[in-house]
């Protein structure tokens, strides 16, 4: 079961290194990712998945990703 990746209420997710964001791609589509700092996720619109960021580390496993709502 996936863990919740959002930061606690009132807390902001730690920043992800911008250089890392430039090189990361979705492992499913190989397309770009959008960083959602408020949710603490990297979002792949093409795959309809949001990959969690835990302790500042992106978890780029499709089995750990949350499906985006339609």
PDB file of N, CA and C in Angstrom:
ATOM      1  N   UNK A   1       0.844  -1.176   0.000  1.00  0.00           N
ATOM      2  CA  UNK A   1       0.000   0.000   0.000  1.00  0.00           C
ATOM      3  C   UNK A   1       0.885   1.234   0.000  1.00  0.00           C
ATOM      4  N   UNK A   2       0.532   2.272  -0.753  1.00  0.00           N
ATOM      5  CA  UNK A   2       1.310   3.493  -0.850  1.00  0.00           C
ATOM      6  C   UNK A   2       1.100   4.346   0.378  1.00  0.00           C
ATOM      7  N   UNK A   3       2.156   5.046   0.766  1.00  0.00           N
ATOM      8  CA  UNK A   3       2.070   5.976   1.874  1.00  0.00           C
ATOM      9  C   UNK A   3       1.645   7.327   1.343  1.00  0.00           C
ATOM     10  N   UNK A   4       1.044   8.124   2.203  1.00  0.00           N
ATOM     11  CA  UNK A   4       0.675   9.470   1.810  1.00  0.00           C
ATOM     12  C   UNK A   4       1.932  10.307   1.690  1.00  0.00           C
ATOM     13  N   UNK A   5       2.048  11.055   0.608  1.00  0.00           N
ATOM     14  CA  UNK A   5       3.261  11.821   0.375  1.00  0.00           C
ATOM     15  C   UNK A   5       3.104  13.296   0.700  1.00  0.00           C
ATOM     16  N   UNK A   6       1.889  13.754   0.939  1.00  0.00           N
ATOM     17  CA  UNK A   6       1.679  15.165   1.206  1.00  0.00           C
ATOM     18  C   UNK A   6       2.246  15.527   2.569  1.00  0.00           C
ATOM     19  N   UNK A   7       2.779  16.734   2.698  1.00  0.00           N
ATOM     20  CA  UNK A   7       3.308  17.162   3.986  1.00  0.00           C
ATOM     21  C   UNK A   7       2.187  17.356   4.992  1.00  0.00           C
ATOM     22  N   UNK A   8       2.503  17.351   6.285  1.00  0.00           N
ATOM     23  CA  UNK A   8       1.472  17.571   7.301  1.00  0.00           C
ATOM     24  C   UNK A   8       0.809  18.926   7.099  1.00  0.00           C
ATOM     25  N   UNK A   9      -0.417  19.066   7.607  1.00  0.00           N
ATOM     26  CA  UNK A   9      -1.148  20.319   7.467  1.00  0.00           C
ATOM     27  C   UNK A   9      -0.314  21.470   8.014  1.00  0.00           C
ATOM     28  N   UNK A  10      -0.256  22.554   7.256  1.00  0.00           N
ATOM     29  CA  UNK A  10       0.494  23.724   7.669  1.00  0.00           C
ATOM     30  C   UNK A  10       1.977  23.664   7.335  1.00  0.00           C
ATOM     31  N   UNK A  11       2.455  22.526   6.878  1.00  0.00           N
ATOM     32  CA  UNK A  11       3.868  22.381   6.520  1.00  0.00           C
ATOM     33  C   UNK A  11       3.998  22.385   5.009  1.00  0.00           C
ATOM     34  N   UNK A  12       5.134  22.872   4.535  1.00  0.00           N
ATOM     35  CA  UNK A  12       5.386  22.886   3.096  1.00  0.00           C
ATOM     36  C   UNK A  12       6.413  21.808   2.766  1.00  0.00           C
ATOM     37  N   UNK A  13       6.229  21.148   1.637  1.00  0.00           N
ATOM     38  CA  UNK A  13       7.159  20.103   1.217  1.00  0.00           C
ATOM     39  C   UNK A  13       8.541  20.711   0.981  1.00  0.00           C
ATOM     40  N   UNK A  14       9.590  19.954   1.285  1.00  0.00           N
ATOM     41  CA  UNK A  14      10.931  20.478   1.019  1.00  0.00           C
ATOM     42  C   UNK A  14      11.145  20.653  -0.487  1.00  0.00           C
ATOM     43  N   UNK A  15      11.968  21.615  -0.819  1.00  0.00           N
ATOM     44  CA  UNK A  15      12.253  21.880  -2.226  1.00  0.00           C
ATOM     45  C   UNK A  15      13.059  20.736  -2.820  1.00  0.00           C
ATOM     46  N   UNK A  16      12.814  20.467  -4.092  1.00  0.00           N
ATOM     47  CA  UNK A  16      13.574  19.472  -4.840  1.00  0.00           C
ATOM     48  C   UNK A  16      14.593  20.233  -5.680  1.00  0.00           C
ATOM     49  N   UNK A  17      15.784  19.707  -5.765  1.00  0.00           N
ATOM     50  CA  UNK A  17      16.859  20.348  -6.529  1.00  0.00           C
ATOM     51  C   UNK A  17      16.391  20.591  -7.963  1.00  0.00           C
ATOM     52  N   UNK A  18      16.404  21.831  -8.438  1.00  0.00           N
ATOM     53  CA  UNK A  18      15.956  22.131  -9.812  1.00  0.00           C
ATOM     54  C   UNK A  18      16.732  21.362 -10.871  1.00  0.00           C
ATOM     55  N   UNK A  19      18.011  21.080 -10.617  1.00  0.00           N
ATOM     56  CA  UNK A  19      18.800  20.302 -11.593  1.00  0.00           C
ATOM     57  C   UNK A  19      18.250  18.891 -11.712  1.00  0.00           C
ATOM     58  N   UNK A  20      17.775  18.339 -10.598  1.00  0.00           N
ATOM     59  CA  UNK A  20      17.180  17.000 -10.620  1.00  0.00           C
ATOM     60  C   UNK A  20      15.881  17.021 -11.421  1.00  0.00           C
ATOM     61  N   UNK A  21      15.078  18.066 -11.236  1.00  0.00           N
ATOM     62  CA  UNK A  21      13.822  18.178 -11.974  1.00  0.00           C
ATOM     63  C   UNK A  21      14.049  18.268 -13.480  1.00  0.00           C
ATOM     64  N   UNK A  22      15.169  18.838 -13.880  1.00  0.00           N
ATOM     65  CA  UNK A  22      15.469  18.970 -15.313  1.00  0.00           C
ATOM     66  C   UNK A  22      15.756  17.626 -15.976  1.00  0.00           C
ATOM     67  N   UNK A  23      16.287  16.665 -15.213  1.00  0.00           N
ATOM     68  CA  UNK A  23      16.681  15.392 -15.824  1.00  0.00           C
ATOM     69  C   UNK A  23      15.682  14.262 -15.590  1.00  0.00           C
ATOM     70  N   UNK A  24      14.802  14.412 -14.603  1.00  0.00           N
ATOM     71  CA  UNK A  24      13.833  13.343 -14.338  1.00  0.00           C
ATOM     72  C   UNK A  24      12.732  13.337 -15.388  1.00  0.00           C
ATOM     73  N   UNK A  25      12.332  12.143 -15.800  1.00  0.00           N
ATOM     74  CA  UNK A  25      11.196  11.960 -16.702  1.00  0.00           C
ATOM     75  C   UNK A  25      10.314  10.858 -16.137  1.00  0.00           C
ATOM     76  N   UNK A  26       9.108  10.782 -16.612  1.00  0.00           N
ATOM     77  CA  UNK A  26       8.193   9.734 -16.194  1.00  0.00           C
ATOM     78  C   UNK A  26       8.735   8.384 -16.666  1.00  0.00           C
ATOM     79  N   UNK A  27       8.819   7.399 -15.767  1.00  0.00           N
ATOM     80  CA  UNK A  27       9.321   6.089 -16.187  1.00  0.00           C
ATOM     81  C   UNK A  27       8.365   5.337 -17.110  1.00  0.00           C
ATOM     82  N   UNK A  28       7.117   5.751 -17.162  1.00  0.00           N
ATOM     83  CA  UNK A  28       6.135   5.085 -18.020  1.00  0.00           C
ATOM     84  C   UNK A  28       6.147   5.680 -19.427  1.00  0.00           C
ATOM     85  N   UNK A  29       6.039   7.012 -19.515  1.00  0.00           N
ATOM     86  CA  UNK A  29       5.919   7.667 -20.822  1.00  0.00           C
ATOM     87  C   UNK A  29       7.230   8.266 -21.321  1.00  0.00           C
ATOM     88  N   UNK A  30       8.205   8.391 -20.440  1.00  0.00           N
ATOM     89  CA  UNK A  30       9.480   9.078 -20.733  1.00  0.00           C
ATOM     90  C   UNK A  30       9.247  10.551 -21.027  1.00  0.00           C
ATOM     91  N   UNK A  31       8.079  11.051 -20.628  1.00  0.00           N
ATOM     92  CA  UNK A  31       7.728  12.452 -20.833  1.00  0.00           C
ATOM     93  C   UNK A  31       8.055  13.310 -19.624  1.00  0.00           C
ATOM     94  N   UNK A  32       7.781  14.604 -19.730  1.00  0.00           N
ATOM     95  CA  UNK A  32       8.115  15.552 -18.668  1.00  0.00           C
ATOM     96  C   UNK A  32       7.243  15.367 -17.430  1.00  0.00           C
ATOM     97  N   UNK A  33       7.772  15.872 -16.326  1.00  0.00           N
ATOM     98  CA  UNK A  33       7.066  15.850 -15.049  1.00  0.00           C
ATOM     99  C   UNK A  33       6.858  17.278 -14.573  1.00  0.00           C
ATOM    100  N   UNK A  34       5.745  17.493 -13.894  1.00  0.00           N
ATOM    101  CA  UNK A  34       5.453  18.799 -13.293  1.00  0.00           C
ATOM    102  C   UNK A  34       5.589  18.646 -11.785  1.00  0.00           C
ATOM    103  N   UNK A  35       6.340  19.536 -11.151  1.00  0.00           N
ATOM    104  CA  UNK A  35       6.541  19.484  -9.712  1.00  0.00           C
ATOM    105  C   UNK A  35       5.394  20.175  -9.011  1.00  0.00           C
ATOM    106  N   UNK A  36       4.662  19.441  -8.191  1.00  0.00           N
ATOM    107  CA  UNK A  36       3.584  19.989  -7.381  1.00  0.00           C
ATOM    108  C   UNK A  36       4.104  20.072  -5.952  1.00  0.00           C
ATOM    109  N   UNK A  37       4.656  21.231  -5.601  1.00  0.00           N
ATOM    110  CA  UNK A  37       5.283  21.386  -4.286  1.00  0.00           C
ATOM    111  C   UNK A  37       4.273  21.236  -3.155  1.00  0.00           C
ATOM    112  N   UNK A  38       3.069  21.769  -3.329  1.00  0.00           N
ATOM    113  CA  UNK A  38       2.053  21.705  -2.275  1.00  0.00           C
ATOM    114  C   UNK A  38       1.696  20.264  -1.924  1.00  0.00           C
ATOM    115  N   UNK A  39       1.626  19.398  -2.939  1.00  0.00           N
ATOM    116  CA  UNK A  39       1.273  17.994  -2.715  1.00  0.00           C
ATOM    117  C   UNK A  39       2.500  17.125  -2.470  1.00  0.00           C
ATOM    118  N   UNK A  40       3.693  17.652  -2.755  1.00  0.00           N
ATOM    119  CA  UNK A  40       4.907  16.854  -2.592  1.00  0.00           C
ATOM    120  C   UNK A  40       4.974  15.722  -3.599  1.00  0.00           C
ATOM    121  N   UNK A  41       4.652  16.042  -4.866  1.00  0.00           N
ATOM    122  CA  UNK A  41       4.599  15.017  -5.914  1.00  0.00           C
ATOM    123  C   UNK A  41       5.200  15.537  -7.214  1.00  0.00           C
ATOM    124  N   UNK A  42       5.624  14.589  -8.043  1.00  0.00           N
ATOM    125  CA  UNK A  42       5.987  14.870  -9.427  1.00  0.00           C
ATOM    126  C   UNK A  42       4.871  14.282 -10.277  1.00  0.00           C
ATOM    127  N   UNK A  43       4.242  15.115 -11.074  1.00  0.00           N
ATOM    128  CA  UNK A  43       3.048  14.721 -11.814  1.00  0.00           C
ATOM    129  C   UNK A  43       3.371  14.471 -13.279  1.00  0.00           C
ATOM    130  N   UNK A  44       2.932  13.317 -13.772  1.00  0.00           N
ATOM    131  CA  UNK A  44       3.024  12.985 -15.188  1.00  0.00           C
ATOM    132  C   UNK A  44       1.616  13.042 -15.763  1.00  0.00           C
ATOM    133  N   UNK A  45       1.329  14.124 -16.477  1.00  0.00           N
ATOM    134  CA  UNK A  45       0.005  14.263 -17.089  1.00  0.00           C
ATOM    135  C   UNK A  45      -0.223  13.159 -18.126  1.00  0.00           C
ATOM    136  N   UNK A  46       0.815  12.813 -18.872  1.00  0.00           N
ATOM    137  CA  UNK A  46       0.699  11.800 -19.923  1.00  0.00           C
ATOM    138  C   UNK A  46       0.328  10.429 -19.399  1.00  0.00           C
ATOM    139  N   UNK A  47       0.881  10.059 -18.261  1.00  0.00           N
ATOM    140  CA  UNK A  47       0.597   8.749 -17.679  1.00  0.00           C
ATOM    141  C   UNK A  47      -0.572   8.797 -16.699  1.00  0.00           C
ATOM    142  N   UNK A  48      -0.970  10.008 -16.305  1.00  0.00           N
ATOM    143  CA  UNK A  48      -2.036  10.137 -15.320  1.00  0.00           C
ATOM    144  C   UNK A  48      -1.604   9.666 -13.942  1.00  0.00           C
ATOM    145  N   UNK A  49      -0.320   9.898 -13.610  1.00  0.00           N
ATOM    146  CA  UNK A  49       0.239   9.440 -12.342  1.00  0.00           C
ATOM    147  C   UNK A  49       0.939  10.584 -11.625  1.00  0.00           C
ATOM    148  N   UNK A  50       0.951  10.496 -10.291  1.00  0.00           N
ATOM    149  CA  UNK A  50       1.685  11.447  -9.456  1.00  0.00           C
ATOM    150  C   UNK A  50       2.635  10.645  -8.579  1.00  0.00           C
ATOM    151  N   UNK A  51       3.925  10.882  -8.771  1.00  0.00           N
ATOM    152  CA  UNK A  51       4.957  10.155  -8.031  1.00  0.00           C
ATOM    153  C   UNK A  51       5.277  10.895  -6.736  1.00  0.00           C
ATOM    154  N   UNK A  52       5.264  10.209  -5.600  1.00  0.00           N
ATOM    155  CA  UNK A  52       5.507  10.882  -4.322  1.00  0.00           C
ATOM    156  C   UNK A  52       6.970  11.277  -4.148  1.00  0.00           C
ATOM    157  N   UNK A  53       7.161  12.285  -3.330  1.00  0.00           N
ATOM    158  CA  UNK A  53       8.505  12.686  -2.906  1.00  0.00           C
ATOM    159  C   UNK A  53       8.543  12.466  -1.402  1.00  0.00           C
ATOM    160  N   UNK A  54       9.407  11.582  -0.955  1.00  0.00           N
ATOM    161  CA  UNK A  54       9.513  11.257   0.469  1.00  0.00           C
ATOM    162  C   UNK A  54      10.892  11.645   0.974  1.00  0.00           C
ATOM    163  N   UNK A  55      10.917  12.468   1.990  1.00  0.00           N
ATOM    164  CA  UNK A  55      12.179  12.941   2.567  1.00  0.00           C
ATOM    165  C   UNK A  55      13.085  13.555   1.503  1.00  0.00           C
ATOM    166  N   UNK A  56      12.468  14.270   0.555  1.00  0.00           N
ATOM    167  CA  UNK A  56      13.226  14.940  -0.497  1.00  0.00           C
ATOM    168  C   UNK A  56      13.666  14.045  -1.637  1.00  0.00           C
ATOM    169  N   UNK A  57      13.251  12.775  -1.619  1.00  0.00           N
ATOM    170  CA  UNK A  57      13.661  11.816  -2.651  1.00  0.00           C
ATOM    171  C   UNK A  57      12.448  11.418  -3.494  1.00  0.00           C
ATOM    172  N   UNK A  58      12.479  11.695  -4.802  1.00  0.00           N
ATOM    173  CA  UNK A  58      11.376  11.267  -5.673  1.00  0.00           C
ATOM    174  C   UNK A  58      11.342   9.738  -5.764  1.00  0.00           C
ATOM    175  N   UNK A  59      10.168   9.176  -5.576  1.00  0.00           N
ATOM    176  CA  UNK A  59       9.965   7.730  -5.675  1.00  0.00           C
ATOM    177  C   UNK A  59       9.366   7.469  -7.057  1.00  0.00           C
ATOM    178  N   UNK A  60      10.221   7.091  -7.999  1.00  0.00           N
ATOM    179  CA  UNK A  60       9.824   6.987  -9.399  1.00  0.00           C
ATOM    180  C   UNK A  60       9.393   5.571  -9.784  1.00  0.00           C
ATOM    181  N   UNK A  61       8.606   4.954  -8.950  1.00  0.00           N
ATOM    182  CA  UNK A  61       8.095   3.611  -9.206  1.00  0.00           C
ATOM    183  C   UNK A  61       6.601   3.696  -9.519  1.00  0.00           C
ATOM    184  N   UNK A  62       6.180   3.207 -10.674  1.00  0.00           N
ATOM    185  CA  UNK A  62       4.760   3.272 -11.016  1.00  0.00           C
ATOM    186  C   UNK A  62       3.852   2.643  -9.956  1.00  0.00           C
ATOM    187  N   UNK A  63       4.318   1.602  -9.289  1.00  0.00           N
ATOM    188  CA  UNK A  63       3.501   0.964  -8.251  1.00  0.00           C
ATOM    189  C   UNK A  63       3.306   1.847  -7.024  1.00  0.00           C
ATOM    190  N   UNK A  64       4.175   2.829  -6.829  1.00  0.00           N
ATOM    191  CA  UNK A  64       4.079   3.747  -5.701  1.00  0.00           C
ATOM    192  C   UNK A  64       3.323   5.020  -6.060  1.00  0.00           C
ATOM    193  N   UNK A  65       3.059   5.232  -7.344  1.00  0.00           N
ATOM    194  CA  UNK A  65       2.420   6.457  -7.805  1.00  0.00           C
ATOM    195  C   UNK A  65       0.918   6.444  -7.524  1.00  0.00           C
ATOM    196  N   UNK A  66       0.390   7.653  -7.373  1.00  0.00           N
ATOM    197  CA  UNK A  66      -1.047   7.845  -7.183  1.00  0.00           C
ATOM    198  C   UNK A  66      -1.662   8.150  -8.543  1.00  0.00           C
ATOM    199  N   UNK A  67      -2.792   7.513  -8.840  1.00  0.00           N
ATOM    200  CA  UNK A  67      -3.508   7.811 -10.086  1.00  0.00           C
ATOM    201  C   UNK A  67      -4.193   9.169  -9.968  1.00  0.00           C
ATOM    202  N   UNK A  68      -4.071   9.969 -11.019  1.00  0.00           N
ATOM    203  CA  UNK A  68      -4.729  11.267 -11.027  1.00  0.00           C
ATOM    204  C   UNK A  68      -6.226  11.083 -11.236  1.00  0.00           C
ATOM    205  N   UNK A  69      -7.001  11.930 -10.579  1.00  0.00           N
ATOM    206  CA  UNK A  69      -8.457  11.883 -10.737  1.00  0.00           C
ATOM    207  C   UNK A  69      -8.817  12.347 -12.146  1.00  0.00           C
ATOM    208  N   UNK A  70      -9.838  11.753 -12.714  1.00  0.00           N
ATOM    209  CA  UNK A  70     -10.285  12.146 -14.066  1.00  0.00           C
ATOM    210  C   UNK A  70     -11.084  13.413 -14.038  1.00  0.00           C
TER     211      UNK A  70
END
